[in-house]
mmCIF file of all heavy atoms, coordinates in Angstrom:
data_MODEL
# 
_entry.id   MODEL 
# 
loop_
_atom_site.group_PDB 
_atom_site.id 
_atom_site.type_symbol 
_atom_site.label_atom_id 
_atom_site.label_alt_id 
_atom_site.label_comp_id 
_atom_site.label_asym_id 
_atom_site.label_entity_id 
_atom_site.label_seq_id 
_atom_site.pdbx_PDB_ins_code 
_atom_site.Cartn_x 
_atom_site.Cartn_y 
_atom_site.Cartn_z 
_atom_site.occupancy 
_atom_site.B_iso_or_equiv 
_atom_site.pdbx_formal_charge 
_atom_site.auth_seq_id 
_atom_site.auth_comp_id 
_atom_site.auth_asym_id 
_atom_site.auth_atom_id 
_atom_site.pdbx_PDB_model_num 
ATOM 1   N N   . VAL A 1 1  ? 0.865  -1.190 0.009  1.00 0.00 ? 1  VAL A N   1 
ATOM 2   C CA  . VAL A 1 1  ? 0.013  -0.010 -0.005 1.00 0.00 ? 1  VAL A CA  1 
ATOM 3   C C   . VAL A 1 1  ? 0.877  1.239  -0.004 1.00 0.00 ? 1  VAL A C   1 
ATOM 4   O O   . VAL A 1 1  ? 1.745  1.376  0.853  1.00 0.00 ? 1  VAL A O   1 
ATOM 5   C CB  . VAL A 1 1  ? -0.949 0.047  1.220  1.00 0.00 ? 1  VAL A CB  1 
ATOM 6   C CG1 . VAL A 1 1  ? -1.879 1.255  1.139  1.00 0.00 ? 1  VAL A CG1 1 
ATOM 7   C CG2 . VAL A 1 1  ? -1.755 -1.266 1.266  1.00 0.00 ? 1  VAL A CG2 1 
ATOM 8   N N   . ILE A 1 2  ? 0.671  2.127  -1.009 1.00 0.00 ? 2  ILE A N   1 
ATOM 9   C CA  . ILE A 1 2  ? 1.528  3.296  -1.192 1.00 0.00 ? 2  ILE A CA  1 
ATOM 10  C C   . ILE A 1 2  ? 0.717  4.520  -0.985 1.00 0.00 ? 2  ILE A C   1 
ATOM 11  O O   . ILE A 1 2  ? -0.314 4.774  -1.660 1.00 0.00 ? 2  ILE A O   1 
ATOM 12  C CB  . ILE A 1 2  ? 2.154  3.269  -2.577 1.00 0.00 ? 2  ILE A CB  1 
ATOM 13  C CG1 . ILE A 1 2  ? 2.892  1.926  -2.830 1.00 0.00 ? 2  ILE A CG1 1 
ATOM 14  C CG2 . ILE A 1 2  ? 3.094  4.451  -2.798 1.00 0.00 ? 2  ILE A CG2 1 
ATOM 15  C CD1 . ILE A 1 2  ? 3.371  1.735  -4.302 1.00 0.00 ? 2  ILE A CD1 1 
ATOM 16  N N   . HIS A 1 3  ? 1.153  5.387  -0.046 1.00 0.00 ? 3  HIS A N   1 
ATOM 17  C CA  . HIS A 1 3  ? 0.454  6.638  0.201  1.00 0.00 ? 3  HIS A CA  1 
ATOM 18  C C   . HIS A 1 3  ? 1.355  7.785  -0.256 1.00 0.00 ? 3  HIS A C   1 
ATOM 19  O O   . HIS A 1 3  ? 2.550  7.830  0.123  1.00 0.00 ? 3  HIS A O   1 
ATOM 20  C CB  . HIS A 1 3  ? 0.157  6.855  1.735  1.00 0.00 ? 3  HIS A CB  1 
ATOM 21  C CG  . HIS A 1 3  ? -0.675 5.732  2.300  1.00 0.00 ? 3  HIS A CG  1 
ATOM 22  N ND1 . HIS A 1 3  ? -2.038 5.666  2.102  1.00 0.00 ? 3  HIS A ND1 1 
ATOM 23  C CD2 . HIS A 1 3  ? -0.388 4.683  3.090  1.00 0.00 ? 3  HIS A CD2 1 
ATOM 24  C CE1 . HIS A 1 3  ? -2.517 4.602  2.722  1.00 0.00 ? 3  HIS A CE1 1 
ATOM 25  N NE2 . HIS A 1 3  ? -1.519 3.955  3.335  1.00 0.00 ? 3  HIS A NE2 1 
ATOM 26  N N   . ASP A 1 4  ? 0.823  8.659  -1.045 1.00 0.00 ? 4  ASP A N   1 
ATOM 27  C CA  . ASP A 1 4  ? 1.538  9.830  -1.482 1.00 0.00 ? 4  ASP A CA  1 
ATOM 28  C C   . ASP A 1 4  ? 1.408  10.921 -0.389 1.00 0.00 ? 4  ASP A C   1 
ATOM 29  O O   . ASP A 1 4  ? 0.305  11.520 -0.275 1.00 0.00 ? 4  ASP A O   1 
ATOM 30  C CB  . ASP A 1 4  ? 1.023  10.306 -2.824 1.00 0.00 ? 4  ASP A CB  1 
ATOM 31  C CG  . ASP A 1 4  ? 1.878  11.455 -3.390 1.00 0.00 ? 4  ASP A CG  1 
ATOM 32  O OD1 . ASP A 1 4  ? 2.764  11.950 -2.650 1.00 0.00 ? 4  ASP A OD1 1 
ATOM 33  O OD2 . ASP A 1 4  ? 1.639  11.838 -4.521 1.00 0.00 ? 4  ASP A OD2 1 
ATOM 34  N N   . ILE A 1 5  ? 2.414  11.106 0.383  1.00 0.00 ? 5  ILE A N   1 
ATOM 35  C CA  . ILE A 1 5  ? 2.342  12.087 1.482  1.00 0.00 ? 5  ILE A CA  1 
ATOM 36  C C   . ILE A 1 5  ? 3.073  13.329 1.173  1.00 0.00 ? 5  ILE A C   1 
ATOM 37  O O   . ILE A 1 5  ? 3.413  14.129 2.112  1.00 0.00 ? 5  ILE A O   1 
ATOM 38  C CB  . ILE A 1 5  ? 2.826  11.438 2.793  1.00 0.00 ? 5  ILE A CB  1 
ATOM 39  C CG1 . ILE A 1 5  ? 4.294  10.998 2.631  1.00 0.00 ? 5  ILE A CG1 1 
ATOM 40  C CG2 . ILE A 1 5  ? 1.965  10.268 3.230  1.00 0.00 ? 5  ILE A CG2 1 
ATOM 41  C CD1 . ILE A 1 5  ? 4.917  10.526 3.925  1.00 0.00 ? 5  ILE A CD1 1 
ATOM 42  N N   . THR A 1 6  ? 3.324  13.575 -0.126 1.00 0.00 ? 6  THR A N   1 
ATOM 43  C CA  . THR A 1 6  ? 4.024  14.781 -0.511 1.00 0.00 ? 6  THR A CA  1 
ATOM 44  C C   . THR A 1 6  ? 3.262  16.063 -0.049 1.00 0.00 ? 6  THR A C   1 
ATOM 45  O O   . THR A 1 6  ? 3.875  16.939 0.544  1.00 0.00 ? 6  THR A O   1 
ATOM 46  C CB  . THR A 1 6  ? 4.189  14.844 -2.020 1.00 0.00 ? 6  THR A CB  1 
ATOM 47  O OG1 . THR A 1 6  ? 4.820  13.609 -2.465 1.00 0.00 ? 6  THR A OG1 1 
ATOM 48  C CG2 . THR A 1 6  ? 5.029  16.019 -2.460 1.00 0.00 ? 6  THR A CG2 1 
ATOM 49  N N   . ALA A 1 7  ? 1.967  16.093 -0.280 1.00 0.00 ? 7  ALA A N   1 
ATOM 50  C CA  . ALA A 1 7  ? 1.179  17.219 0.114  1.00 0.00 ? 7  ALA A CA  1 
ATOM 51  C C   . ALA A 1 7  ? 1.125  17.391 1.654  1.00 0.00 ? 7  ALA A C   1 
ATOM 52  O O   . ALA A 1 7  ? 1.135  18.510 2.170  1.00 0.00 ? 7  ALA A O   1 
ATOM 53  C CB  . ALA A 1 7  ? -0.261 17.079 -0.438 1.00 0.00 ? 7  ALA A CB  1 
ATOM 54  N N   . VAL A 1 8  ? 1.105  16.217 2.341  1.00 0.00 ? 8  VAL A N   1 
ATOM 55  C CA  . VAL A 1 8  ? 1.057  16.257 3.781  1.00 0.00 ? 8  VAL A CA  1 
ATOM 56  C C   . VAL A 1 8  ? 2.384  16.859 4.293  1.00 0.00 ? 8  VAL A C   1 
ATOM 57  O O   . VAL A 1 8  ? 2.350  17.740 5.194  1.00 0.00 ? 8  VAL A O   1 
ATOM 58  C CB  . VAL A 1 8  ? 0.844  14.859 4.385  1.00 0.00 ? 8  VAL A CB  1 
ATOM 59  C CG1 . VAL A 1 8  ? 0.978  14.912 5.918  1.00 0.00 ? 8  VAL A CG1 1 
ATOM 60  C CG2 . VAL A 1 8  ? -0.500 14.294 3.949  1.00 0.00 ? 8  VAL A CG2 1 
ATOM 61  N N   . ARG A 1 9  ? 3.483  16.373 3.748  1.00 0.00 ? 9  ARG A N   1 
ATOM 62  C CA  . ARG A 1 9  ? 4.739  16.922 4.204  1.00 0.00 ? 9  ARG A CA  1 
ATOM 63  C C   . ARG A 1 9  ? 4.953  18.407 3.791  1.00 0.00 ? 9  ARG A C   1 
ATOM 64  O O   . ARG A 1 9  ? 5.438  19.205 4.582  1.00 0.00 ? 9  ARG A O   1 
ATOM 65  C CB  . ARG A 1 9  ? 5.911  16.105 3.573  1.00 0.00 ? 9  ARG A CB  1 
ATOM 66  C CG  . ARG A 1 9  ? 5.983  14.659 4.093  1.00 0.00 ? 9  ARG A CG  1 
ATOM 67  C CD  . ARG A 1 9  ? 6.432  14.664 5.551  1.00 0.00 ? 9  ARG A CD  1 
ATOM 68  N NE  . ARG A 1 9  ? 6.522  13.318 6.081  1.00 0.00 ? 9  ARG A NE  1 
ATOM 69  C CZ  . ARG A 1 9  ? 5.581  12.751 6.821  1.00 0.00 ? 9  ARG A CZ  1 
ATOM 70  N NH1 . ARG A 1 9  ? 4.463  13.443 7.122  1.00 0.00 ? 9  ARG A NH1 1 
ATOM 71  N NH2 . ARG A 1 9  ? 5.703  11.563 7.266  1.00 0.00 ? 9  ARG A NH2 1 
ATOM 72  N N   . ARG A 1 10 ? 4.421  18.726 2.607  1.00 0.00 ? 10 ARG A N   1 
ATOM 73  C CA  . ARG A 1 10 ? 4.477  20.120 2.175  1.00 0.00 ? 10 ARG A CA  1 
ATOM 74  C C   . ARG A 1 10 ? 3.623  21.015 3.132  1.00 0.00 ? 10 ARG A C   1 
ATOM 75  O O   . ARG A 1 10 ? 4.020  22.099 3.513  1.00 0.00 ? 10 ARG A O   1 
ATOM 76  C CB  . ARG A 1 10 ? 3.998  20.263 0.726  1.00 0.00 ? 10 ARG A CB  1 
ATOM 77  C CG  . ARG A 1 10 ? 4.162  21.709 0.226  1.00 0.00 ? 10 ARG A CG  1 
ATOM 78  C CD  . ARG A 1 10 ? 3.626  21.781 -1.223 1.00 0.00 ? 10 ARG A CD  1 
ATOM 79  N NE  . ARG A 1 10 ? 4.436  20.998 -2.143 1.00 0.00 ? 10 ARG A NE  1 
ATOM 80  C CZ  . ARG A 1 10 ? 3.954  20.015 -2.839 1.00 0.00 ? 10 ARG A CZ  1 
ATOM 81  N NH1 . ARG A 1 10 ? 2.662  19.658 -2.720 1.00 0.00 ? 10 ARG A NH1 1 
ATOM 82  N NH2 . ARG A 1 10 ? 4.690  19.325 -3.648 1.00 0.00 ? 10 ARG A NH2 1 
ATOM 83  N N   . LEU A 1 11 ? 2.460  20.461 3.492  1.00 0.00 ? 11 LEU A N   1 
ATOM 84  C CA  . LEU A 1 11 ? 1.620  21.185 4.406  1.00 0.00 ? 11 LEU A CA  1 
ATOM 85  C C   . LEU A 1 11 ? 2.232  21.361 5.788  1.00 0.00 ? 11 LEU A C   1 
ATOM 86  O O   . LEU A 1 11 ? 2.135  22.418 6.381  1.00 0.00 ? 11 LEU A O   1 
ATOM 87  C CB  . LEU A 1 11 ? 0.253  20.467 4.539  1.00 0.00 ? 11 LEU A CB  1 
ATOM 88  C CG  . LEU A 1 11 ? -0.809 21.129 5.411  1.00 0.00 ? 11 LEU A CG  1 
ATOM 89  C CD1 . LEU A 1 11 ? -1.143 22.525 4.910  1.00 0.00 ? 11 LEU A CD1 1 
ATOM 90  C CD2 . LEU A 1 11 ? -2.077 20.273 5.526  1.00 0.00 ? 11 LEU A CD2 1 
ATOM 91  N N   . GLU A 1 12 ? 2.891  20.299 6.224  1.00 0.00 ? 12 GLU A N   1 
ATOM 92  C CA  . GLU A 1 12 ? 3.571  20.410 7.481  1.00 0.00 ? 12 GLU A CA  1 
ATOM 93  C C   . GLU A 1 12 ? 4.638  21.443 7.437  1.00 0.00 ? 12 GLU A C   1 
ATOM 94  O O   . GLU A 1 12 ? 4.834  22.237 8.372  1.00 0.00 ? 12 GLU A O   1 
ATOM 95  C CB  . GLU A 1 12 ? 4.160  19.041 7.876  1.00 0.00 ? 12 GLU A CB  1 
ATOM 96  C CG  . GLU A 1 12 ? 3.090  18.007 8.277  1.00 0.00 ? 12 GLU A CG  1 
ATOM 97  C CD  . GLU A 1 12 ? 3.686  16.644 8.524  1.00 0.00 ? 12 GLU A CD  1 
ATOM 98  O OE1 . GLU A 1 12 ? 4.934  16.483 8.284  1.00 0.00 ? 12 GLU A OE1 1 
ATOM 99  O OE2 . GLU A 1 12 ? 2.947  15.728 8.939  1.00 0.00 ? 12 GLU A OE2 1 
ATOM 100 N N   . ARG A 1 13 ? 5.384  21.447 6.289  1.00 0.00 ? 13 ARG A N   1 
ATOM 101 C CA  . ARG A 1 13 ? 6.453  22.447 6.132  1.00 0.00 ? 13 ARG A CA  1 
ATOM 102 C C   . ARG A 1 13 ? 5.846  23.867 6.102  1.00 0.00 ? 13 ARG A C   1 
ATOM 103 O O   . ARG A 1 13 ? 6.357  24.772 6.697  1.00 0.00 ? 13 ARG A O   1 
ATOM 104 C CB  . ARG A 1 13 ? 7.231  22.171 4.882  1.00 0.00 ? 13 ARG A CB  1 
ATOM 105 C CG  . ARG A 1 13 ? 8.456  23.070 4.752  1.00 0.00 ? 13 ARG A CG  1 
ATOM 106 C CD  . ARG A 1 13 ? 9.325  22.650 3.523  1.00 0.00 ? 13 ARG A CD  1 
ATOM 107 N NE  . ARG A 1 13 ? 8.649  22.843 2.283  1.00 0.00 ? 13 ARG A NE  1 
ATOM 108 C CZ  . ARG A 1 13 ? 8.202  21.815 1.569  1.00 0.00 ? 13 ARG A CZ  1 
ATOM 109 N NH1 . ARG A 1 13 ? 8.339  20.547 1.945  1.00 0.00 ? 13 ARG A NH1 1 
ATOM 110 N NH2 . ARG A 1 13 ? 7.573  22.062 0.357  1.00 0.00 ? 13 ARG A NH2 1 
ATOM 111 N N   . MET A 1 14 ? 4.712  23.977 5.317  1.00 0.00 ? 14 MET A N   1 
ATOM 112 C CA  . MET A 1 14 ? 4.080  25.292 5.267  1.00 0.00 ? 14 MET A CA  1 
ATOM 113 C C   . MET A 1 14 ? 3.537  25.727 6.625  1.00 0.00 ? 14 MET A C   1 
ATOM 114 O O   . MET A 1 14 ? 3.636  26.925 6.960  1.00 0.00 ? 14 MET A O   1 
ATOM 115 C CB  . MET A 1 14 ? 2.935  25.205 4.256  1.00 0.00 ? 14 MET A CB  1 
ATOM 116 C CG  . MET A 1 14 ? 3.353  25.094 2.787  1.00 0.00 ? 14 MET A CG  1 
ATOM 117 S SD  . MET A 1 14 ? 2.032  24.873 1.647  1.00 0.00 ? 14 MET A SD  1 
ATOM 118 C CE  . MET A 1 14 ? 1.136  26.448 1.855  1.00 0.00 ? 14 MET A CE  1 
ATOM 119 N N   . ARG A 1 15 ? 2.987  24.767 7.380  1.00 0.00 ? 15 ARG A N   1 
ATOM 120 C CA  . ARG A 1 15 ? 2.494  25.161 8.697  1.00 0.00 ? 15 ARG A CA  1 
ATOM 121 C C   . ARG A 1 15 ? 3.662  25.587 9.592  1.00 0.00 ? 15 ARG A C   1 
ATOM 122 O O   . ARG A 1 15 ? 3.530  26.562 10.352 1.00 0.00 ? 15 ARG A O   1 
ATOM 123 C CB  . ARG A 1 15 ? 1.803  23.965 9.306  1.00 0.00 ? 15 ARG A CB  1 
ATOM 124 C CG  . ARG A 1 15 ? 0.375  23.746 8.749  1.00 0.00 ? 15 ARG A CG  1 
ATOM 125 C CD  . ARG A 1 15 ? -0.246 22.522 9.298  1.00 0.00 ? 15 ARG A CD  1 
ATOM 126 N NE  . ARG A 1 15 ? -1.604 22.339 8.829  1.00 0.00 ? 15 ARG A NE  1 
ATOM 127 C CZ  . ARG A 1 15 ? -2.372 21.281 9.072  1.00 0.00 ? 15 ARG A CZ  1 
ATOM 128 N NH1 . ARG A 1 15 ? -1.862 20.279 9.831  1.00 0.00 ? 15 ARG A NH1 1 
ATOM 129 N NH2 . ARG A 1 15 ? -3.593 21.205 8.538  1.00 0.00 ? 15 ARG A NH2 1 
ATOM 130 N N   . SER A 1 16 ? 4.805  24.854 9.508  1.00 0.00 ? 16 SER A N   1 
ATOM 131 C CA  . SER A 1 16 ? 5.917  25.235 10.272 1.00 0.00 ? 16 SER A CA  1 
ATOM 132 C C   . SER A 1 16 ? 6.457  26.642 9.864  1.00 0.00 ? 16 SER A C   1 
ATOM 133 O O   . SER A 1 16 ? 6.739  27.461 10.696 1.00 0.00 ? 16 SER A O   1 
ATOM 134 C CB  . SER A 1 16 ? 7.072  24.176 10.074 1.00 0.00 ? 16 SER A CB  1 
ATOM 135 O OG  . SER A 1 16 ? 8.208  24.588 10.729 1.00 0.00 ? 16 SER A OG  1 
ATOM 136 N N   . GLU A 1 17 ? 6.491  26.843 8.542  1.00 0.00 ? 17 GLU A N   1 
ATOM 137 C CA  . GLU A 1 17 ? 6.903  28.182 8.080  1.00 0.00 ? 17 GLU A CA  1 
ATOM 138 C C   . GLU A 1 17 ? 5.905  29.257 8.463  1.00 0.00 ? 17 GLU A C   1 
ATOM 139 O O   . GLU A 1 17 ? 6.242  30.415 8.809  1.00 0.00 ? 17 GLU A O   1 
ATOM 140 C CB  . GLU A 1 17 ? 7.064  28.155 6.506  1.00 0.00 ? 17 GLU A CB  1 
ATOM 141 C CG  . GLU A 1 17 ? 8.240  27.268 6.062  1.00 0.00 ? 17 GLU A CG  1 
ATOM 142 C CD  . GLU A 1 17 ? 8.247  27.238 4.546  1.00 0.00 ? 17 GLU A CD  1 
ATOM 143 O OE1 . GLU A 1 17 ? 7.355  27.766 3.917  1.00 0.00 ? 17 GLU A OE1 1 
ATOM 144 O OE2 . GLU A 1 17 ? 9.229  26.614 3.997  1.00 0.00 ? 17 GLU A OE2 1 
ATOM 145 N N   . PHE A 1 18 ? 4.563  28.828 8.444  1.00 0.00 ? 18 PHE A N   1 
ATOM 146 C CA  . PHE A 1 18 ? 3.528  29.834 8.797  1.00 0.00 ? 18 PHE A CA  1 
ATOM 147 C C   . PHE A 1 18 ? 3.691  30.206 10.285 1.00 0.00 ? 18 PHE A C   1 
ATOM 148 O O   . PHE A 1 18 ? 3.589  31.398 10.605 1.00 0.00 ? 18 PHE A O   1 
ATOM 149 C CB  . PHE A 1 18 ? 2.164  29.194 8.572  1.00 0.00 ? 18 PHE A CB  1 
ATOM 150 C CG  . PHE A 1 18 ? 1.024  30.054 9.028  1.00 0.00 ? 18 PHE A CG  1 
ATOM 151 C CD1 . PHE A 1 18 ? 0.710  31.186 8.264  1.00 0.00 ? 18 PHE A CD1 1 
ATOM 152 C CD2 . PHE A 1 18 ? 0.281  29.742 10.127 1.00 0.00 ? 18 PHE A CD2 1 
ATOM 153 C CE1 . PHE A 1 18 ? -0.333 31.998 8.626  1.00 0.00 ? 18 PHE A CE1 1 
ATOM 154 C CE2 . PHE A 1 18 ? -0.757 30.576 10.532 1.00 0.00 ? 18 PHE A CE2 1 
ATOM 155 C CZ  . PHE A 1 18 ? -1.104 31.695 9.801  1.00 0.00 ? 18 PHE A CZ  1 
ATOM 156 N N   . VAL A 1 19 ? 3.931  29.218 11.116 1.00 0.00 ? 19 VAL A N   1 
ATOM 157 C CA  . VAL A 1 19 ? 4.139  29.549 12.500 1.00 0.00 ? 19 VAL A CA  1 
ATOM 158 C C   . VAL A 1 19 ? 5.362  30.436 12.693 1.00 0.00 ? 19 VAL A C   1 
ATOM 159 O O   . VAL A 1 19 ? 5.304  31.422 13.462 1.00 0.00 ? 19 VAL A O   1 
ATOM 160 C CB  . VAL A 1 19 ? 4.315  28.233 13.363 1.00 0.00 ? 19 VAL A CB  1 
ATOM 161 C CG1 . VAL A 1 19 ? 4.689  28.603 14.763 1.00 0.00 ? 19 VAL A CG1 1 
ATOM 162 C CG2 . VAL A 1 19 ? 3.009  27.452 13.356 1.00 0.00 ? 19 VAL A CG2 1 
ATOM 163 N N   . ALA A 1 20 ? 6.421  30.103 11.988 1.00 0.00 ? 20 ALA A N   1 
ATOM 164 C CA  . ALA A 1 20 ? 7.642  30.963 12.118 1.00 0.00 ? 20 ALA A CA  1 
ATOM 165 C C   . ALA A 1 20 ? 7.376  32.336 11.557 1.00 0.00 ? 20 ALA A C   1 
ATOM 166 O O   . ALA A 1 20 ? 7.784  33.337 12.179 1.00 0.00 ? 20 ALA A O   1 
ATOM 167 C CB  . ALA A 1 20 ? 8.755  30.291 11.304 1.00 0.00 ? 20 ALA A CB  1 
ATOM 168 N N   . ASN A 1 21 ? 6.622  32.435 10.434 1.00 0.00 ? 21 ASN A N   1 
ATOM 169 C CA  . ASN A 1 21 ? 6.304  33.750 9.871  1.00 0.00 ? 21 ASN A CA  1 
ATOM 170 C C   . ASN A 1 21 ? 5.393  34.577 10.773 1.00 0.00 ? 21 ASN A C   1 
ATOM 171 O O   . ASN A 1 21 ? 5.608  35.758 10.971 1.00 0.00 ? 21 ASN A O   1 
ATOM 172 C CB  . ASN A 1 21 ? 5.688  33.621 8.464  1.00 0.00 ? 21 ASN A CB  1 
ATOM 173 C CG  . ASN A 1 21 ? 6.671  33.129 7.463  1.00 0.00 ? 21 ASN A CG  1 
ATOM 174 O OD1 . ASN A 1 21 ? 7.872  33.393 7.540  1.00 0.00 ? 21 ASN A OD1 1 
ATOM 175 N ND2 . ASN A 1 21 ? 6.175  32.424 6.439  1.00 0.00 ? 21 ASN A ND2 1 
ATOM 176 N N   . VAL A 1 22 ? 4.378  33.876 11.288 1.00 0.00 ? 22 VAL A N   1 
ATOM 177 C CA  . VAL A 1 22 ? 3.467  34.574 12.241 1.00 0.00 ? 22 VAL A CA  1 
ATOM 178 C C   . VAL A 1 22 ? 4.259  35.070 13.457 1.00 0.00 ? 22 VAL A C   1 
ATOM 179 O O   . VAL A 1 22 ? 4.089  36.224 13.899 1.00 0.00 ? 22 VAL A O   1 
ATOM 180 C CB  . VAL A 1 22 ? 2.340  33.623 12.677 1.00 0.00 ? 22 VAL A CB  1 
ATOM 181 C CG1 . VAL A 1 22 ? 1.533  34.252 13.817 1.00 0.00 ? 22 VAL A CG1 1 
ATOM 182 C CG2 . VAL A 1 22 ? 1.403  33.414 11.445 1.00 0.00 ? 22 VAL A CG2 1 
ATOM 183 N N   . SER A 1 23 ? 5.131  34.201 13.944 1.00 0.00 ? 23 SER A N   1 
ATOM 184 C CA  . SER A 1 23 ? 5.899  34.605 15.102 1.00 0.00 ? 23 SER A CA  1 
ATOM 185 C C   . SER A 1 23 ? 6.795  35.778 14.790 1.00 0.00 ? 23 SER A C   1 
ATOM 186 O O   . SER A 1 23 ? 6.919  36.741 15.576 1.00 0.00 ? 23 SER A O   1 
ATOM 187 C CB  . SER A 1 23 ? 6.816  33.409 15.572 1.00 0.00 ? 23 SER A CB  1 
ATOM 188 O OG  . SER A 1 23 ? 6.021  32.322 15.930 1.00 0.00 ? 23 SER A OG  1 
ATOM 189 N N   . HIS A 1 24 ? 7.386  35.738 13.564 1.00 0.00 ? 24 HIS A N   1 
ATOM 190 C CA  . HIS A 1 24 ? 8.272  36.842 13.177 1.00 0.00 ? 24 HIS A CA  1 
ATOM 191 C C   . HIS A 1 24 ? 7.460  38.115 12.967 1.00 0.00 ? 24 HIS A C   1 
ATOM 192 O O   . HIS A 1 24 ? 7.836  39.211 13.437 1.00 0.00 ? 24 HIS A O   1 
ATOM 193 C CB  . HIS A 1 24 ? 9.000  36.439 11.883 1.00 0.00 ? 24 HIS A CB  1 
ATOM 194 C CG  . HIS A 1 24 ? 9.907  37.528 11.375 1.00 0.00 ? 24 HIS A CG  1 
ATOM 195 N ND1 . HIS A 1 24 ? 11.084 37.837 12.004 1.00 0.00 ? 24 HIS A ND1 1 
ATOM 196 C CD2 . HIS A 1 24 ? 9.776  38.398 10.327 1.00 0.00 ? 24 HIS A CD2 1 
ATOM 197 C CE1 . HIS A 1 24 ? 11.641 38.832 11.376 1.00 0.00 ? 24 HIS A CE1 1 
ATOM 198 N NE2 . HIS A 1 24 ? 10.891 39.204 10.336 1.00 0.00 ? 24 HIS A NE2 1 
ATOM 199 N N   . GLU A 1 25 ? 6.287  37.963 12.278 1.00 0.00 ? 25 GLU A N   1 
ATOM 200 C CA  . GLU A 1 25 ? 5.480  39.185 12.021 1.00 0.00 ? 25 GLU A CA  1 
ATOM 201 C C   . GLU A 1 25 ? 4.886  39.764 13.334 1.00 0.00 ? 25 GLU A C   1 
ATOM 202 O O   . GLU A 1 25 ? 4.746  41.000 13.409 1.00 0.00 ? 25 GLU A O   1 
ATOM 203 C CB  . GLU A 1 25 ? 4.325  38.794 11.050 1.00 0.00 ? 25 GLU A CB  1 
ATOM 204 C CG  . GLU A 1 25 ? 4.747  38.427 9.686  1.00 0.00 ? 25 GLU A CG  1 
ATOM 205 C CD  . GLU A 1 25 ? 5.374  39.590 8.897  1.00 0.00 ? 25 GLU A CD  1 
ATOM 206 O OE1 . GLU A 1 25 ? 4.985  40.718 9.223  1.00 0.00 ? 25 GLU A OE1 1 
ATOM 207 O OE2 . GLU A 1 25 ? 6.169  39.328 8.006  1.00 0.00 ? 25 GLU A OE2 1 
# 
């Protein structure tokens, strides 16, 4: 069984960046 988790990992990265950006802003 193969799950494409590219979007999940990208979303996690975006969320991490979002938190960092929000913190910075």
